[in-house]
PDB file of N, CA and C in Angstrom:
ATOM      1  N   UNK A   1      86.319 120.301 112.016  1.00  0.00           N
ATOM      2  CA  UNK A   1      84.684 119.838 112.036  1.00  0.00           C
ATOM      3  C   UNK A   1      84.140 120.192 110.516  1.00  0.00           C
ATOM      4  N   UNK A   2      83.545 119.043 110.483  1.00  0.00           N
ATOM      5  CA  UNK A   2      82.858 118.430 109.435  1.00  0.00           C
ATOM      6  C   UNK A   2      80.807 118.351 109.549  1.00  0.00           C
ATOM      7  N   UNK A   3      80.514 119.394 108.958  1.00  0.00           N
ATOM      8  CA  UNK A   3      78.674 118.812 109.318  1.00  0.00           C
ATOM      9  C   UNK A   3      78.312 119.103 107.600  1.00  0.00           C
ATOM     10  N   UNK A   4      77.924 118.650 107.189  1.00  0.00           N
ATOM     11  CA  UNK A   4      77.096 118.366 105.731  1.00  0.00           C
ATOM     12  C   UNK A   4      75.703 117.372 105.947  1.00  0.00           C
ATOM     13  N   UNK A   5      75.573 117.151 104.520  1.00  0.00           N
ATOM     14  CA  UNK A   5      74.209 116.368 104.361  1.00  0.00           C
ATOM     15  C   UNK A   5      74.080 115.695 102.938  1.00  0.00           C
ATOM     16  N   UNK A   6      74.546 114.027 103.173  1.00  0.00           N
ATOM     17  CA  UNK A   6      74.923 113.192 101.837  1.00  0.00           C
ATOM     18  C   UNK A   6      74.019 113.479 100.903  1.00  0.00           C
ATOM     19  N   UNK A   7      73.316 114.200 100.871  1.00  0.00           N
ATOM     20  CA  UNK A   7      72.458 114.505  99.913  1.00  0.00           C
ATOM     21  C   UNK A   7      72.479 115.517  98.730  1.00  0.00           C
ATOM     22  N   UNK A   8      73.822 115.889  99.389  1.00  0.00           N
ATOM     23  CA  UNK A   8      74.070 117.440  98.287  1.00  0.00           C
ATOM     24  C   UNK A   8      75.280 116.889  97.974  1.00  0.00           C
ATOM     25  N   UNK A   9      75.588 115.917  98.226  1.00  0.00           N
ATOM     26  CA  UNK A   9      77.036 115.522  97.832  1.00  0.00           C
ATOM     27  C   UNK A   9      76.915 114.798  96.002  1.00  0.00           C
ATOM     28  N   UNK A  10      78.056 115.074  95.697  1.00  0.00           N
ATOM     29  CA  UNK A  10      78.174 113.847  94.463  1.00  0.00           C
ATOM     30  C   UNK A  10      78.542 112.771  94.409  1.00  0.00           C
ATOM     31  N   UNK A  11      77.404 111.585  93.893  1.00  0.00           N
ATOM     32  CA  UNK A  11      77.975 110.052  94.044  1.00  0.00           C
ATOM     33  C   UNK A  11      79.082 109.720  92.861  1.00  0.00           C
ATOM     34  N   UNK A  12      80.052 109.037  93.146  1.00  0.00           N
ATOM     35  CA  UNK A  12      81.229 108.622  92.267  1.00  0.00           C
ATOM     36  C   UNK A  12      80.493 106.998  91.945  1.00  0.00           C
ATOM     37  N   UNK A  13      80.297 106.827  90.624  1.00  0.00           N
ATOM     38  CA  UNK A  13      79.928 105.362  90.741  1.00  0.00           C
ATOM     39  C   UNK A  13      81.409 104.396  90.448  1.00  0.00           C
ATOM     40  N   UNK A  14      80.659 103.010  91.284  1.00  0.00           N
ATOM     41  CA  UNK A  14      81.760 101.869  91.664  1.00  0.00           C
ATOM     42  C   UNK A  14      82.201 101.309  90.238  1.00  0.00           C
ATOM     43  N   UNK A  15      83.314 101.337  90.017  1.00  0.00           N
ATOM     44  CA  UNK A  15      83.886 101.099  88.930  1.00  0.00           C
ATOM     45  C   UNK A  15      84.070  99.800  88.830  1.00  0.00           C
ATOM     46  N   UNK A  16      83.563  98.670  88.358  1.00  0.00           N
ATOM     47  CA  UNK A  16      83.898  97.355  88.298  1.00  0.00           C
ATOM     48  C   UNK A  16      82.765  96.679  87.630  1.00  0.00           C
ATOM     49  N   UNK A  17      83.182  95.903  86.927  1.00  0.00           N
ATOM     50  CA  UNK A  17      82.153  94.878  85.913  1.00  0.00           C
ATOM     51  C   UNK A  17      81.716  94.025  86.743  1.00  0.00           C
ATOM     52  N   UNK A  18      82.249  93.922  87.937  1.00  0.00           N
ATOM     53  CA  UNK A  18      81.034  92.729  89.334  1.00  0.00           C
ATOM     54  C   UNK A  18      79.950  93.728  89.724  1.00  0.00           C
ATOM     55  N   UNK A  19      79.839  94.732  89.481  1.00  0.00           N
ATOM     56  CA  UNK A  19      78.590  95.922  90.144  1.00  0.00           C
ATOM     57  C   UNK A  19      78.151  96.467  89.015  1.00  0.00           C
ATOM     58  N   UNK A  20      76.974  96.891  89.596  1.00  0.00           N
ATOM     59  CA  UNK A  20      75.977  97.299  88.662  1.00  0.00           C
ATOM     60  C   UNK A  20      74.774  98.293  89.903  1.00  0.00           C
ATOM     61  N   UNK A  21      74.696  99.257  89.014  1.00  0.00           N
ATOM     62  CA  UNK A  21      73.743 100.531  89.047  1.00  0.00           C
ATOM     63  C   UNK A  21      74.527 100.872  90.932  1.00  0.00           C
ATOM     64  N   UNK A  22      75.824 101.079  91.096  1.00  0.00           N
ATOM     65  CA  UNK A  22      76.371 101.059  92.542  1.00  0.00           C
ATOM     66  C   UNK A  22      77.097 102.211  92.432  1.00  0.00           C
ATOM     67  N   UNK A  23      77.229 103.368  93.506  1.00  0.00           N
ATOM     68  CA  UNK A  23      77.598 104.524  93.894  1.00  0.00           C
ATOM     69  C   UNK A  23      78.102 104.821  95.113  1.00  0.00           C
ATOM     70  N   UNK A  24      79.054 105.563  94.940  1.00  0.00           N
ATOM     71  CA  UNK A  24      79.371 106.024  96.944  1.00  0.00           C
ATOM     72  C   UNK A  24      79.935 107.328  96.975  1.00  0.00           C
ATOM     73  N   UNK A  25      79.317 108.292  98.020  1.00  0.00           N
ATOM     74  CA  UNK A  25      79.806 109.233  98.418  1.00  0.00           C
ATOM     75  C   UNK A  25      80.421 109.105  99.175  1.00  0.00           C
ATOM     76  N   UNK A  26      81.513 110.347  99.616  1.00  0.00           N
ATOM     77  CA  UNK A  26      82.398 109.802 100.608  1.00  0.00           C
ATOM     78  C   UNK A  26      81.974 111.242 101.794  1.00  0.00           C
ATOM     79  N   UNK A  27      81.828 110.866 103.438  1.00  0.00           N
ATOM     80  CA  UNK A  27      81.084 111.672 103.774  1.00  0.00           C
ATOM     81  C   UNK A  27      82.223 112.341 104.650  1.00  0.00           C
ATOM     82  N   UNK A  28      83.145 111.635 105.690  1.00  0.00           N
ATOM     83  CA  UNK A  28      84.362 111.698 106.072  1.00  0.00           C
ATOM     84  C   UNK A  28      85.447 111.004 106.169  1.00  0.00           C
ATOM     85  N   UNK A  29      86.229 111.166 105.889  1.00  0.00           N
ATOM     86  CA  UNK A  29      88.079 110.673 105.878  1.00  0.00           C
ATOM     87  C   UNK A  29      88.795 111.336 106.222  1.00  0.00           C
ATOM     88  N   UNK A  30      90.560 110.747 105.990  1.00  0.00           N
ATOM     89  CA  UNK A  30      91.387 111.745 106.162  1.00  0.00           C
ATOM     90  C   UNK A  30      91.243 113.019 105.922  1.00  0.00           C
ATOM     91  N   UNK A  31      90.766 113.312 105.146  1.00  0.00           N
ATOM     92  CA  UNK A  31      90.687 114.867 103.842  1.00  0.00           C
ATOM     93  C   UNK A  31      89.997 115.779 105.074  1.00  0.00           C
ATOM     94  N   UNK A  32      89.312 114.903 105.560  1.00  0.00           N
ATOM     95  CA  UNK A  32      88.318 115.735 106.877  1.00  0.00           C
ATOM     96  C   UNK A  32      89.016 115.878 108.311  1.00  0.00           C
ATOM     97  N   UNK A  33      89.902 114.778 108.208  1.00  0.00           N
ATOM     98  CA  UNK A  33      90.449 115.325 109.429  1.00  0.00           C
ATOM     99  C   UNK A  33      90.310 113.826 110.358  1.00  0.00           C
ATOM    100  N   UNK A  34      89.288 113.113 109.723  1.00  0.00           N
ATOM    101  CA  UNK A  34      89.368 111.715 110.667  1.00  0.00           C
ATOM    102  C   UNK A  34      90.548 110.500 109.698  1.00  0.00           C
ATOM    103  N   UNK A  35      91.483 110.684 110.327  1.00  0.00           N
ATOM    104  CA  UNK A  35      92.472 109.900 110.567  1.00  0.00           C
ATOM    105  C   UNK A  35      92.494 108.311 110.718  1.00  0.00           C
ATOM    106  N   UNK A  36      93.033 107.429 109.660  1.00  0.00           N
ATOM    107  CA  UNK A  36      92.917 105.696 109.199  1.00  0.00           C
ATOM    108  C   UNK A  36      91.446 105.716 109.314  1.00  0.00           C
ATOM    109  N   UNK A  37      89.846 106.283 108.830  1.00  0.00           N
ATOM    110  CA  UNK A  37      88.804 105.775 108.722  1.00  0.00           C
ATOM    111  C   UNK A  37      88.524 106.615 107.236  1.00  0.00           C
ATOM    112  N   UNK A  38      87.444 105.770 106.545  1.00  0.00           N
ATOM    113  CA  UNK A  38      86.739 106.683 105.814  1.00  0.00           C
ATOM    114  C   UNK A  38      84.871 105.810 105.864  1.00  0.00           C
ATOM    115  N   UNK A  39      84.464 106.801 106.385  1.00  0.00           N
ATOM    116  CA  UNK A  39      82.714 106.622 106.224  1.00  0.00           C
ATOM    117  C   UNK A  39      82.198 106.982 105.165  1.00  0.00           C
ATOM    118  N   UNK A  40      81.414 106.969 104.228  1.00  0.00           N
ATOM    119  CA  UNK A  40      80.547 106.696 103.248  1.00  0.00           C
ATOM    120  C   UNK A  40      79.420 106.145 103.345  1.00  0.00           C
ATOM    121  N   UNK A  41      78.552 106.552 102.381  1.00  0.00           N
ATOM    122  CA  UNK A  41      77.370 106.094 101.789  1.00  0.00           C
ATOM    123  C   UNK A  41      77.181 105.695 100.585  1.00  0.00           C
ATOM    124  N   UNK A  42      76.669 104.594 101.094  1.00  0.00           N
ATOM    125  CA  UNK A  42      77.011 103.110  99.119  1.00  0.00           C
ATOM    126  C   UNK A  42      75.413 103.756  99.157  1.00  0.00           C
ATOM    127  N   UNK A  43      74.881 104.014  97.372  1.00  0.00           N
ATOM    128  CA  UNK A  43      73.807 103.642  96.873  1.00  0.00           C
ATOM    129  C   UNK A  43      73.455 102.509  95.988  1.00  0.00           C
ATOM    130  N   UNK A  44      72.505 101.859  96.139  1.00  0.00           N
ATOM    131  CA  UNK A  44      72.420 100.778  95.368  1.00  0.00           C
ATOM    132  C   UNK A  44      70.902 100.947  94.513  1.00  0.00           C
ATOM    133  N   UNK A  45      70.832 101.374  93.168  1.00  0.00           N
ATOM    134  CA  UNK A  45      69.819 101.236  92.353  1.00  0.00           C
ATOM    135  C   UNK A  45      68.931 100.520  92.370  1.00  0.00           C
ATOM    136  N   UNK A  46      67.575 100.261  91.650  1.00  0.00           N
ATOM    137  CA  UNK A  46      66.982  99.399  91.592  1.00  0.00           C
ATOM    138  C   UNK A  46      68.009  97.933  90.839  1.00  0.00           C
ATOM    139  N   UNK A  47      68.180  96.606  91.092  1.00  0.00           N
ATOM    140  CA  UNK A  47      68.656  95.688  90.770  1.00  0.00           C
ATOM    141  C   UNK A  47      69.724  95.771  90.991  1.00  0.00           C
ATOM    142  N   UNK A  48      70.522  96.950  91.484  1.00  0.00           N
ATOM    143  CA  UNK A  48      71.922  97.383  91.709  1.00  0.00           C
ATOM    144  C   UNK A  48      72.352  96.196  92.693  1.00  0.00           C
ATOM    145  N   UNK A  49      74.182  95.971  92.885  1.00  0.00           N
ATOM    146  CA  UNK A  49      74.646  95.350  93.403  1.00  0.00           C
ATOM    147  C   UNK A  49      76.030  95.947  93.681  1.00  0.00           C
ATOM    148  N   UNK A  50      76.557  95.407  95.000  1.00  0.00           N
ATOM    149  CA  UNK A  50      78.058  95.851  94.870  1.00  0.00           C
ATOM    150  C   UNK A  50      78.723  94.141  94.295  1.00  0.00           C
ATOM    151  N   UNK A  51      80.350  94.988  94.160  1.00  0.00           N
ATOM    152  CA  UNK A  51      80.988  92.967  93.542  1.00  0.00           C
ATOM    153  C   UNK A  51      80.474  92.014  94.986  1.00  0.00           C
ATOM    154  N   UNK A  52      80.608  90.948  94.253  1.00  0.00           N
ATOM    155  CA  UNK A  52      81.147  89.484  95.189  1.00  0.00           C
ATOM    156  C   UNK A  52      82.527  89.684  95.826  1.00  0.00           C
ATOM    157  N   UNK A  53      82.746  90.013  97.018  1.00  0.00           N
ATOM    158  CA  UNK A  53      84.275  90.418  97.212  1.00  0.00           C
ATOM    159  C   UNK A  53      84.475  90.100  98.589  1.00  0.00           C
ATOM    160  N   UNK A  54      85.599  89.722  98.925  1.00  0.00           N
ATOM    161  CA  UNK A  54      86.660  89.954 100.377  1.00  0.00           C
ATOM    162  C   UNK A  54      87.923  90.271 100.437  1.00  0.00           C
ATOM    163  N   UNK A  55      87.537  90.992 101.350  1.00  0.00           N
ATOM    164  CA  UNK A  55      89.161  91.745 101.400  1.00  0.00           C
ATOM    165  C   UNK A  55      89.589  91.596 102.716  1.00  0.00           C
ATOM    166  N   UNK A  56      91.189  92.034 103.288  1.00  0.00           N
ATOM    167  CA  UNK A  56      91.518  91.843 104.647  1.00  0.00           C
ATOM    168  C   UNK A  56      90.920  92.858 105.682  1.00  0.00           C
ATOM    169  N   UNK A  57      90.385  93.784 105.570  1.00  0.00           N
ATOM    170  CA  UNK A  57      89.633  94.359 106.458  1.00  0.00           C
ATOM    171  C   UNK A  57      88.346  94.658 107.142  1.00  0.00           C
ATOM    172  N   UNK A  58      88.136  94.519 107.982  1.00  0.00           N
ATOM    173  CA  UNK A  58      86.797  94.478 108.311  1.00  0.00           C
ATOM    174  C   UNK A  58      85.317  95.771 107.821  1.00  0.00           C
ATOM    175  N   UNK A  59      84.417  95.813 107.924  1.00  0.00           N
ATOM    176  CA  UNK A  59      83.733  97.385 107.783  1.00  0.00           C
ATOM    177  C   UNK A  59      82.521  96.717 107.992  1.00  0.00           C
ATOM    178  N   UNK A  60      82.038  98.328 108.731  1.00  0.00           N
ATOM    179  CA  UNK A  60      80.766  98.198 109.520  1.00  0.00           C
ATOM    180  C   UNK A  60      79.866  98.876 109.006  1.00  0.00           C
ATOM    181  N   UNK A  61      78.408  98.505 108.509  1.00  0.00           N
ATOM    182  CA  UNK A  61      77.489  99.316 107.766  1.00  0.00           C
ATOM    183  C   UNK A  61      76.106  99.408 108.429  1.00  0.00           C
ATOM    184  N   UNK A  62      75.501 100.585 107.727  1.00  0.00           N
ATOM    185  CA  UNK A  62      73.892 100.746 108.628  1.00  0.00           C
ATOM    186  C   UNK A  62      73.213 101.272 107.418  1.00  0.00           C
ATOM    187  N   UNK A  63      71.994 101.039 107.248  1.00  0.00           N
ATOM    188  CA  UNK A  63      70.934 100.697 106.198  1.00  0.00           C
ATOM    189  C   UNK A  63      70.101 101.999 106.799  1.00  0.00           C
ATOM    190  N   UNK A  64      70.128 103.223 105.726  1.00  0.00           N
ATOM    191  CA  UNK A  64      69.336 104.632 106.025  1.00  0.00           C
ATOM    192  C   UNK A  64      68.052 104.119 105.242  1.00  0.00           C
ATOM    193  N   UNK A  65      68.046 103.661 104.471  1.00  0.00           N
ATOM    194  CA  UNK A  65      66.653 103.131 103.507  1.00  0.00           C
ATOM    195  C   UNK A  65      66.856 102.083 102.812  1.00  0.00           C
ATOM    196  N   UNK A  66      65.883 101.611 102.032  1.00  0.00           N
ATOM    197  CA  UNK A  66      65.541 101.163 101.134  1.00  0.00           C
ATOM    198  C   UNK A  66      65.613  99.251 101.801  1.00  0.00           C
ATOM    199  N   UNK A  67      65.582  98.295 100.616  1.00  0.00           N
ATOM    200  CA  UNK A  67      65.642  97.031 101.088  1.00  0.00           C
ATOM    201  C   UNK A  67      66.151  96.416 100.230  1.00  0.00           C
ATOM    202  N   UNK A  68      67.059  95.157 100.784  1.00  0.00           N
ATOM    203  CA  UNK A  68      67.638  94.716 100.318  1.00  0.00           C
ATOM    204  C   UNK A  68      68.441  93.378 100.766  1.00  0.00           C
ATOM    205  N   UNK A  69      69.804  92.500 100.470  1.00  0.00           N
ATOM    206  CA  UNK A  69      70.146  91.681 101.518  1.00  0.00           C
ATOM    207  C   UNK A  69      71.862  91.636 101.355  1.00  0.00           C
ATOM    208  N   UNK A  70      72.562  91.388 102.641  1.00  0.00           N
ATOM    209  CA  UNK A  70      73.693  90.986 102.530  1.00  0.00           C
ATOM    210  C   UNK A  70      74.147  89.721 102.356  1.00  0.00           C
ATOM    211  N   UNK A  71      74.692  89.212 101.452  1.00  0.00           N
ATOM    212  CA  UNK A  71      75.035  88.063 101.361  1.00  0.00           C
ATOM    213  C   UNK A  71      76.386  87.615 102.090  1.00  0.00           C
ATOM    214  N   UNK A  72      76.878  87.188 103.087  1.00  0.00           N
ATOM    215  CA  UNK A  72      77.763  87.129 103.813  1.00  0.00           C
ATOM    216  C   UNK A  72      78.112  85.336 104.447  1.00  0.00           C
ATOM    217  N   UNK A  73      79.134  84.878 104.006  1.00  0.00           N
ATOM    218  CA  UNK A  73      79.911  83.833 104.246  1.00  0.00           C
ATOM    219  C   UNK A  73      78.700  82.706 103.531  1.00  0.00           C
ATOM    220  N   UNK A  74      77.979  82.785 102.802  1.00  0.00           N
ATOM    221  CA  UNK A  74      77.245  82.317 102.223  1.00  0.00           C
ATOM    222  C   UNK A  74      75.697  82.084 102.396  1.00  0.00           C
ATOM    223  N   UNK A  75      75.443  83.023 103.222  1.00  0.00           N
ATOM    224  CA  UNK A  75      73.928  83.455 103.814  1.00  0.00           C
ATOM    225  C   UNK A  75      73.142  84.709 103.216  1.00  0.00           C
ATOM    226  N   UNK A  76      72.478  84.955 102.750  1.00  0.00           N
ATOM    227  CA  UNK A  76      71.322  85.705 102.313  1.00  0.00           C
ATOM    228  C   UNK A  76      70.788  86.441 103.605  1.00  0.00           C
ATOM    229  N   UNK A  77      71.199  87.538 103.926  1.00  0.00           N
ATOM    230  CA  UNK A  77      70.482  88.326 105.431  1.00  0.00           C
ATOM    231  C   UNK A  77      69.665  89.398 105.085  1.00  0.00           C
ATOM    232  N   UNK A  78      68.488  89.859 105.236  1.00  0.00           N
ATOM    233  CA  UNK A  78      67.512  90.677 104.803  1.00  0.00           C
ATOM    234  C   UNK A  78      68.318  91.904 105.119  1.00  0.00           C
ATOM    235  N   UNK A  79      68.118  92.975 104.551  1.00  0.00           N
ATOM    236  CA  UNK A  79      68.147  94.520 105.201  1.00  0.00           C
ATOM    237  C   UNK A  79      67.120  95.512 105.193  1.00  0.00           C
ATOM    238  N   UNK A  80      66.944  95.871 105.946  1.00  0.00           N
ATOM    239  CA  UNK A  80      65.992  97.032 105.829  1.00  0.00           C
ATOM    240  C   UNK A  80      66.249  98.536 106.613  1.00  0.00           C
ATOM    241  N   UNK A  81      65.665  99.634 106.483  1.00  0.00           N
ATOM    242  CA  UNK A  81      66.173 100.741 107.043  1.00  0.00           C
ATOM    243  C   UNK A  81      66.503 100.048 108.753  1.00  0.00           C
ATOM    244  N   UNK A  82      67.558 100.694 109.296  1.00  0.00           N
ATOM    245  CA  UNK A  82      67.842 100.310 110.461  1.00  0.00           C
ATOM    246  C   UNK A  82      68.582  99.286 110.859  1.00  0.00           C
ATOM    247  N   UNK A  83      68.582  98.112 109.687  1.00  0.00           N
ATOM    248  CA  UNK A  83      69.507  97.002 109.869  1.00  0.00           C
ATOM    249  C   UNK A  83      71.127  97.540 110.091  1.00  0.00           C
ATOM    250  N   UNK A  84      71.997  96.651 110.677  1.00  0.00           N
ATOM    251  CA  UNK A  84      72.968  96.972 110.959  1.00  0.00           C
ATOM    252  C   UNK A  84      74.133  95.762 110.632  1.00  0.00           C
ATOM    253  N   UNK A  85      75.151  96.033 110.022  1.00  0.00           N
ATOM    254  CA  UNK A  85      76.472  94.826 110.566  1.00  0.00           C
ATOM    255  C   UNK A  85      77.588  95.160 109.964  1.00  0.00           C
ATOM    256  N   UNK A  86      78.121  93.821 110.640  1.00  0.00           N
ATOM    257  CA  UNK A  86      79.823  94.173 110.426  1.00  0.00           C
ATOM    258  C   UNK A  86      80.438  93.142 109.567  1.00  0.00           C
ATOM    259  N   UNK A  87      80.737  93.565 108.869  1.00  0.00           N
ATOM    260  CA  UNK A  87      81.756  92.489 108.054  1.00  0.00           C
ATOM    261  C   UNK A  87      82.745  92.129 108.462  1.00  0.00           C
ATOM    262  N   UNK A  88      83.574  91.117 108.911  1.00  0.00           N
ATOM    263  CA  UNK A  88      84.734  90.794 109.293  1.00  0.00           C
ATOM    264  C   UNK A  88      85.979  90.653 108.220  1.00  0.00           C
ATOM    265  N   UNK A  89      87.102  90.840 108.613  1.00  0.00           N
ATOM    266  CA  UNK A  89      88.092  90.553 107.676  1.00  0.00           C
ATOM    267  C   UNK A  89      87.807  89.232 106.737  1.00  0.00           C
ATOM    268  N   UNK A  90      88.144  89.000 105.508  1.00  0.00           N
ATOM    269  CA  UNK A  90      88.199  88.108 104.485  1.00  0.00           C
ATOM    270  C   UNK A  90      86.736  87.354 104.735  1.00  0.00           C
ATOM    271  N   UNK A  91      85.661  88.011 105.029  1.00  0.00           N
ATOM    272  CA  UNK A  91      84.606  86.652 104.616  1.00  0.00           C
ATOM    273  C   UNK A  91      83.926  87.704 103.470  1.00  0.00           C
ATOM    274  N   UNK A  92      83.798  86.751 102.356  1.00  0.00           N
ATOM    275  CA  UNK A  92      82.688  86.765 101.095  1.00  0.00           C
ATOM    276  C   UNK A  92      81.489  87.368 101.623  1.00  0.00           C
ATOM    277  N   UNK A  93      81.616  88.547 100.803  1.00  0.00           N
ATOM    278  CA  UNK A  93      80.292  89.555 100.983  1.00  0.00           C
ATOM    279  C   UNK A  93      79.658  89.960  99.830  1.00  0.00           C
ATOM    280  N   UNK A  94      78.404  90.670  99.418  1.00  0.00           N
ATOM    281  CA  UNK A  94      77.800  91.178  98.353  1.00  0.00           C
ATOM    282  C   UNK A  94      76.683  91.863  98.801  1.00  0.00           C
ATOM    283  N   UNK A  95      76.199  93.395  98.282  1.00  0.00           N
ATOM    284  CA  UNK A  95      75.242  94.022  99.025  1.00  0.00           C
ATOM    285  C   UNK A  95      74.326  94.187  97.354  1.00  0.00           C
ATOM    286  N   UNK A  96      72.994  93.462  97.697  1.00  0.00           N
ATOM    287  CA  UNK A  96      72.065  93.738  96.658  1.00  0.00           C
ATOM    288  C   UNK A  96      70.666  94.370  97.246  1.00  0.00           C
ATOM    289  N   UNK A  97      70.158  95.143  96.308  1.00  0.00           N
ATOM    290  CA  UNK A  97      69.012  96.101  95.954  1.00  0.00           C
ATOM    291  C   UNK A  97      68.067  95.192  95.932  1.00  0.00           C
ATOM    292  N   UNK A  98      66.873  94.789  96.640  1.00  0.00           N
ATOM    293  CA  UNK A  98      65.936  93.814  96.010  1.00  0.00           C
ATOM    294  C   UNK A  98      64.535  94.514  96.146  1.00  0.00           C
ATOM    295  N   UNK A  99      64.857  95.895  96.434  1.00  0.00           N
ATOM    296  CA  UNK A  99      63.444  96.729  96.430  1.00  0.00           C
ATOM    297  C   UNK A  99      63.295  97.879  94.636  1.00  0.00           C
ATOM    298  N   UNK A 100      62.756  98.489  94.528  1.00  0.00           N
ATOM    299  CA  UNK A 100      62.571  99.309  93.282  1.00  0.00           C
ATOM    300  C   UNK A 100      62.802 101.123  93.870  1.00  0.00           C
ATOM    301  N   UNK A 101      63.263 101.083  94.766  1.00  0.00           N
ATOM    302  CA  UNK A 101      63.747 102.338  94.851  1.00  0.00           C
ATOM    303  C   UNK A 101      65.171 102.326  95.800  1.00  0.00           C
ATOM    304  N   UNK A 102      66.189 102.892  95.596  1.00  0.00           N
ATOM    305  CA  UNK A 102      67.236 103.471  95.980  1.00  0.00           C
ATOM    306  C   UNK A 102      67.349 102.341  97.581  1.00  0.00           C
ATOM    307  N   UNK A 103      68.603 101.505  97.536  1.00  0.00           N
ATOM    308  CA  UNK A 103      69.548 101.074  99.221  1.00  0.00           C
ATOM    309  C   UNK A 103      70.410 101.850  99.258  1.00  0.00           C
ATOM    310  N   UNK A 104      70.130 102.476 100.495  1.00  0.00           N
ATOM    311  CA  UNK A 104      71.357 103.182 100.914  1.00  0.00           C
ATOM    312  C   UNK A 104      71.475 103.136 102.392  1.00  0.00           C
ATOM    313  N   UNK A 105      73.246 103.094 102.169  1.00  0.00           N
ATOM    314  CA  UNK A 105      73.494 102.425 103.869  1.00  0.00           C
ATOM    315  C   UNK A 105      75.036 102.950 103.684  1.00  0.00           C
ATOM    316  N   UNK A 106      75.310 103.279 105.077  1.00  0.00           N
ATOM    317  CA  UNK A 106      76.791 103.584 105.720  1.00  0.00           C
ATOM    318  C   UNK A 106      77.904 102.376 106.029  1.00  0.00           C
ATOM    319  N   UNK A 107      79.106 103.062 105.114  1.00  0.00           N
ATOM    320  CA  UNK A 107      80.048 101.884 105.373  1.00  0.00           C
ATOM    321  C   UNK A 107      81.284 102.492 105.790  1.00  0.00           C
ATOM    322  N   UNK A 108      81.682 102.389 106.791  1.00  0.00           N
ATOM    323  CA  UNK A 108      83.024 102.650 107.376  1.00  0.00           C
ATOM    324  C   UNK A 108      84.083 101.690 107.196  1.00  0.00           C
ATOM    325  N   UNK A 109      85.156 102.083 106.904  1.00  0.00           N
ATOM    326  CA  UNK A 109      86.241 101.096 106.140  1.00  0.00           C
ATOM    327  C   UNK A 109      87.279 101.679 106.962  1.00  0.00           C
ATOM    328  N   UNK A 110      88.160 100.826 107.336  1.00  0.00           N
ATOM    329  CA  UNK A 110      90.015 101.549 106.945  1.00  0.00           C
ATOM    330  C   UNK A 110      90.392 102.222 106.311  1.00  0.00           C
ATOM    331  N   UNK A 111      91.362 103.497 106.237  1.00  0.00           N
ATOM    332  CA  UNK A 111      91.551 104.016 105.120  1.00  0.00           C
ATOM    333  C   UNK A 111      92.203 102.950 104.003  1.00  0.00           C
ATOM    334  N   UNK A 112      92.712 101.978 104.345  1.00  0.00           N
ATOM    335  CA  UNK A 112      93.214 101.085 103.481  1.00  0.00           C
ATOM    336  C   UNK A 112      92.369 100.311 102.413  1.00  0.00           C
ATOM    337  N   UNK A 113      91.081 100.468 103.415  1.00  0.00           N
ATOM    338  CA  UNK A 113      89.675  99.618 102.439  1.00  0.00           C
ATOM    339  C   UNK A 113      88.936 100.384 101.252  1.00  0.00           C
ATOM    340  N   UNK A 114      89.449 101.782 101.482  1.00  0.00           N
ATOM    341  CA  UNK A 114      88.815 102.846 100.568  1.00  0.00           C
ATOM    342  C   UNK A 114      89.422 103.182  99.014  1.00  0.00           C
ATOM    343  N   UNK A 115      88.858 102.855  98.060  1.00  0.00           N
ATOM    344  CA  UNK A 115      89.591 102.639  96.844  1.00  0.00           C
ATOM    345  C   UNK A 115      88.721 103.850  95.977  1.00  0.00           C
TER     346      UNK A 115
END
């Protein structure tokens, strides 16, 4: 069993030249007993963004706080707290922070999708 608070976890910077002000915290993974999946919180600082990319696995997302967009298959979709998204396998996508405070969202991926 795991009970925690993401505010107490140390964030790892997303190491990519195609990302800016992007950090990730792992909440639950196979290490904690959830075989096959990883639940993370992604934090994009002011003017931050994830790499524009695609991959062969789907993922689901839920916005905790902040404002931004999810570019997916050529469309910028607005994100505000409470927004959720399913990103299908092989869909080109990118998360961007459009506010002054951090954009924070949960991202759940198959284990193969966690780097």
